[in-house]
Each structure stands twice: as C-alpha cells, then as structure tokens.
C-alpha cells in the first residue's frame, strides 16, 4: 500500500466529477440516439473511446509529446532517483520518459500504479537541483498514488467527444439553413417534402448543438475544478513524502519563471498538456481566467505548501 496518505477532499471531488461525467456521457448518448443512430452503436463507440483512452493513456501521451521512454541504462541517475522515491512511497516504479523541450515541466499519465508513466522535459532536468527534482518527481508520483489521472483521462475524452459533436452540429445547422434559403425561391408546391426534410435536419442539428455545447461547457468547468484541487493535493503529498517543502517551493517558482520566459508562440503545443502538467504553459490573463485555469496560482500553491510544512513542524517557504 502506498505511503501517500489518502486525501479525502480529493476523493470527494473525484467522486463528484465521476458522477457528473456519467451524466455528460449519458446526455451525449441520448442526443446521438435521438438523432437516429442505433443505441448499441452509440454505446459501443462511447465505451470504446473511454477504454482506448484509459488503457493506452500513457502511450497516447508519449505519442503526442514526442517523449521517449528511457531505460535504467540510458538514464541511470534519473532511475536511481525514482527507485529511491518509489521505495519510500512503497509503490511500483512507473515507466520514465524524457521529452526534449526547453520548457521546464513534468507530467504523469496512466490509469493504475502498475500502468503509469512519468515524463520530465530536458528543460526541467537542466534547471533544477537534485532536491528540487526529487520534489517534482514526488509530486507526479502523488498523482499516480491518488489515482486522479484516470478521471482526468476519461473527462478529457468526454470533452473531445462533445467538442467534436458541437462543431459537426454547428456546421450541419449552418449548412441546412443555407441550402433551405437557396432553394426557397424554387419551391411552389404545398407538399414540399424537401423543405420539410431540411427543417427536420435543421432542428435536429440545433438540438444536438445545444446539448453538446452545454455538456462541453459543464465538462470543461468540472475538469478544470478537479485539476486545480488535485495539484494542491499532489503538492501536499510531495511535501509529506520528502519532508522538503522548501525544495518543492523553489522548484515551483523556478519552473514558473522559466515558463514565463519562453515566447508565447513556442508554448502552443505545450498548452494542450496543461491539464496533466506540473505547471501550466499558459498563465491566466483575464479577470475570469481562474474559472478555466488548470492550476492554482503560484501564490496559492506556495501558501498550500506552507500549510503542509507547518503540519511537519517546519518553517514555510
């Protein structure tokens, strides 16, 4: 059993997110069946999407980022750090990957401790001290121990599906509206079957657009809400495991500063991984940005680390 203490606040949020997630999937399935697709086909597609994303999450992430899994022979020092931390946490060692990027960051992927991966960028490995790296690695291991990665994976799948439906239905609604308008002058018969068909297609497209838009918005908000809390939980877990709150605070500050120094145009690809990363590649830039932010602010995380340090009887950062 892992030595990472259970976080009851995180468990409650994971349960609530899972419940809302089930509702989102149900809404999507009902919308597709209402359109006319066979229920078994819709259900099979939904289950397959979740299973593929869940079982192959680590491989998919490696493929998207271009990271490379490294063996103990290829990265002995890195594996030695992870061996020590995993022994301390009493958990299986995940696969280790390195992404060649100047962006200092790290992320964990996978659905169980036995099927997981932790990836570090070369920018992170080059900028952090040994103690700071250990703190970041402990943070990523906490995500695996807390099993919050699987919920994030499934929730991300729901976002992709509802977002795709939203785009398709919007194009369909616009297309039928244009076609109906162009054909209107040619219609003289009261028995206008073509017009009736276009009207039905338009109404169906609008209905699917409304359902998918609402489910997408709800899913994104709940995903980001869970994401912010799980980062605080992982920070606490790292502090309690390593007993080095100052190292984690230093790493967090150094990484945030390093990311802010990189031009915005170079962060576009990295932003797609924000929900899984140690620190976000995109800083909030508006008054309401906190609602959709994937991470707490730097100050919120430092305050959280200070509280964890106080529980250990240590001074805060």
Foldseek 3Di string as FASTA:
>chain_A
DFPQDADVVLVVLLVVLVVLLVVLLVLLLVLVVVVPDDSVVSVVVLVVLLVCCQACVAVVVCVLQVKDFDDCVRPVVVVVLQVVLCVLGVADRETEIEGADLQFWKFKAHQASVGIYIYTYVNNVVPADPLLVSLRVQLRVLCRVNRPRSSLRSLVSSLVVLVVLLVVLVVQLVVLVVVLVVCVVVDDDPPCPVNVVSVVSNVSSVVSNVSSVVSNVVSQLSLLVSLAVSLLSSSLSSCVSPVCLVSNLVSLVRSVVSLVVDDPVVCPSVQVCQLGMNHHSDDDDDPPSSSRHSYDDSVVSQVSSQVSNVVVVHGGD
